[in-house]
C-alpha atoms as a PDB file:
ATOM      1  CA  MET A   1       0.045  -0.034   0.068  1.00  0.00           C
ATOM      2  CA  THR A   2       1.216   3.716  -0.883  1.00  0.00           C
ATOM      3  CA  GLU A   3       1.944   5.941   1.869  1.00  0.00           C
ATOM      4  CA  VAL A   4       1.134   9.667   0.907  1.00  0.00           C
ATOM      5  CA  PHE A   5       2.712  12.565   3.087  1.00  0.00           C
ATOM      6  CA  SER A   6       2.108  16.402   2.194  1.00  0.00           C
ATOM      7  CA  LEU A   7       4.771  18.930   3.093  1.00  0.00           C
ATOM      8  CA  ILE A   8       3.287  22.485   3.610  1.00  0.00           C
ATOM      9  CA  VAL A   9       5.752  25.161   3.513  1.00  0.00           C
ATOM     10  CA  THR A  10       5.065  28.697   4.610  1.00  0.00           C
ATOM     11  CA  PRO A  11       6.853  31.805   5.240  1.00  0.00           C
ATOM     12  CA  ARG A  12       7.171  30.949   9.188  1.00  0.00           C
ATOM     13  CA  ARG A  13       7.186  27.010   9.095  1.00  0.00           C
ATOM     14  CA  VAL A  14       7.188  23.636   7.148  1.00  0.00           C
ATOM     15  CA  GLU A  15       4.660  21.276   8.621  1.00  0.00           C
ATOM     16  CA  CYS A  16       4.228  17.444   7.433  1.00  0.00           C
ATOM     17  CA  VAL A  17       0.776  15.972   7.125  1.00  0.00           C
ATOM     18  CA  VAL A  18      -0.575  12.542   6.229  1.00  0.00           C
ATOM     19  CA  GLY A  19      -2.347  12.354   2.971  1.00  0.00           C
ATOM     20  CA  ARG A  20      -2.804  14.455  -0.003  1.00  0.00           C
ATOM     21  CA  ILE A  21      -4.552  18.099   0.816  1.00  0.00           C
ATOM     22  CA  ASP A  22      -5.942  18.875  -2.516  1.00  0.00           C
ATOM     23  CA  ASP A  23      -8.373  16.966  -4.712  1.00  0.00           C
ATOM     24  CA  PRO A  24      -6.408  15.551  -7.636  1.00  0.00           C
ATOM     25  CA  ALA A  25      -9.605  15.307  -9.637  1.00  0.00           C
ATOM     26  CA  ASP A  26     -10.197  19.274  -9.286  1.00  0.00           C
ATOM     27  CA  PRO A  27      -9.838  20.757 -12.834  1.00  0.00           C
ATOM     28  CA  GLU A  28      -8.822  23.901 -11.998  1.00  0.00           C
ATOM     29  CA  GLY A  29      -5.713  22.489  -9.939  1.00  0.00           C
ATOM     30  CA  GLY A  30      -2.828  24.562  -8.706  1.00  0.00           C
ATOM     31  CA  GLU A  31      -4.190  26.611  -5.795  1.00  0.00           C
ATOM     32  CA  VAL A  32      -5.844  25.223  -2.602  1.00  0.00           C
ATOM     33  CA  ALA A  33      -6.880  26.803   0.884  1.00  0.00           C
ATOM     34  CA  TRP A  34      -5.801  25.001   3.732  1.00  0.00           C
ATOM     35  CA  ASN A  35      -6.200  26.318   7.203  1.00  0.00           C
ATOM     36  CA  GLY A  36      -6.455  29.966   6.083  1.00  0.00           C
ATOM     37  CA  ARG A  37      -3.552  29.825   3.524  1.00  0.00           C
ATOM     38  CA  ARG A  38      -3.696  29.717  -0.005  1.00  0.00           C
ATOM     39  CA  LEU A  39      -1.298  26.926  -1.258  1.00  0.00           C
ATOM     40  CA  ARG A  40      -0.237  25.551  -4.455  1.00  0.00           C
ATOM     41  CA  LEU A  41       1.143  22.013  -5.189  1.00  0.00           C
ATOM     42  CA  VAL A  42       4.734  22.541  -6.158  1.00  0.00           C
ATOM     43  CA  HIS A  43       6.590  19.146  -6.478  1.00  0.00           C
ATOM     44  CA  GLU A  44       5.259  15.784  -6.814  1.00  0.00           C
ATOM     45  CA  GLN A  45       7.841  12.788  -5.893  1.00  0.00           C
ATOM     46  CA  ARG A  46       7.751   9.151  -5.770  1.00  0.00           C
ATOM     47  CA  GLU A  47      10.560   7.687  -3.768  1.00  0.00           C
ATOM     48  CA  ASN A  48      12.687   5.108  -5.681  1.00  0.00           C
ATOM     49  CA  GLY A  49      12.312   1.514  -4.430  1.00  0.00           C
ATOM     50  CA  GLU A  50       9.224   2.779  -1.593  1.00  0.00           C
ATOM     51  CA  ASP A  51       5.784   3.060  -1.945  1.00  0.00           C
ATOM     52  CA  LEU A  52       5.796   6.387  -0.736  1.00  0.00           C
ATOM     53  CA  VAL A  53       4.894   9.660  -2.330  1.00  0.00           C
ATOM     54  CA  TRP A  54       5.492  13.265  -1.425  1.00  0.00           C
ATOM     55  CA  PHE A  55       3.333  16.516  -2.340  1.00  0.00           C
ATOM     56  CA  ILE A  56       5.017  19.587  -1.525  1.00  0.00           C
ATOM     57  CA  TYR A  57       2.669  22.635  -1.237  1.00  0.00           C
ATOM     58  CA  GLY A  58       3.981  26.198  -1.020  1.00  0.00           C
ATOM     59  CA  ASP A  59       2.337  29.373   0.199  1.00  0.00           C
ATOM     60  CA  ILE A  60       1.523  31.392  -2.662  1.00  0.00           C
ATOM     61  CA  ALA A  61       3.640  34.180  -1.302  1.00  0.00           C
ATOM     62  CA  LEU A  62       6.598  31.597  -1.727  1.00  0.00           C
ATOM     63  CA  SER A  63       8.273  30.783  -4.944  1.00  0.00           C
ATOM     64  CA  LYS A  64       8.705  27.519  -6.436  1.00  0.00           C
ATOM     65  CA  PRO A  65      12.680  27.505  -5.527  1.00  0.00           C
ATOM     66  CA  GLU A  66      12.160  28.790  -1.821  1.00  0.00           C
ATOM     67  CA  THR A  67       9.348  26.001  -1.127  1.00  0.00           C
ATOM     68  CA  LEU A  68      11.648  23.471  -2.306  1.00  0.00           C
ATOM     69  CA  SER A  69      14.635  25.081  -0.580  1.00  0.00           C
ATOM     70  CA  ARG A  70      12.799  24.969   2.568  1.00  0.00           C
ATOM     71  CA  ALA A  71      11.356  21.816   2.214  1.00  0.00           C
ATOM     72  CA  ALA A  72      15.029  20.315   1.753  1.00  0.00           C
ATOM     73  CA  GLN A  73      16.071  21.866   4.874  1.00  0.00           C
ATOM     74  CA  TRP A  74      13.072  20.140   6.737  1.00  0.00           C
ATOM     75  CA  ALA A  75      14.045  16.841   5.138  1.00  0.00           C
ATOM     76  CA  GLU A  76      17.772  17.423   6.027  1.00  0.00           C
ATOM     77  CA  SER A  77      16.948  18.443   9.552  1.00  0.00           C
ATOM     78  CA  THR A  78      13.849  16.300  10.397  1.00  0.00           C
ATOM     79  CA  ARG A  79      14.058  13.354  12.744  1.00  0.00           C
ATOM     80  CA  ARG A  80      11.136  11.179  10.831  1.00  0.00           C
ATOM     81  CA  ARG A  81      11.922   8.058   9.286  1.00  0.00           C
ATOM     82  CA  GLN A  82      10.056   8.986   6.204  1.00  0.00           C
ATOM     83  CA  ARG A  83      11.210  12.068   4.305  1.00  0.00           C
ATOM     84  CA  PRO A  84      11.550  13.113   1.006  1.00  0.00           C
ATOM     85  CA  THR A  85      15.123  13.088  -0.656  1.00  0.00           C
ATOM     86  CA  LEU A  86      15.156  16.412  -2.316  1.00  0.00           C
ATOM     87  CA  HIS A  87      18.455  17.399  -4.121  1.00  0.00           C
END
């Protein structure tokens, strides 16, 4: 069974939640409202050799490079067993 996680990257913090926070069938795509924030999906990644998928969402105030940089910093510093391998 595939495990799905979302990283929520905002200007103040990065949060990991279980599951995907948007509706993959949404024809609009792009933006999602979550806990009072407007986010957009900036990266989707399936980990090699594992049944693990990461969805990385960034606050619309952050650029894609900034979102990915903050997500990579979180992945390097977290103690979670599951974490994305961002390079």
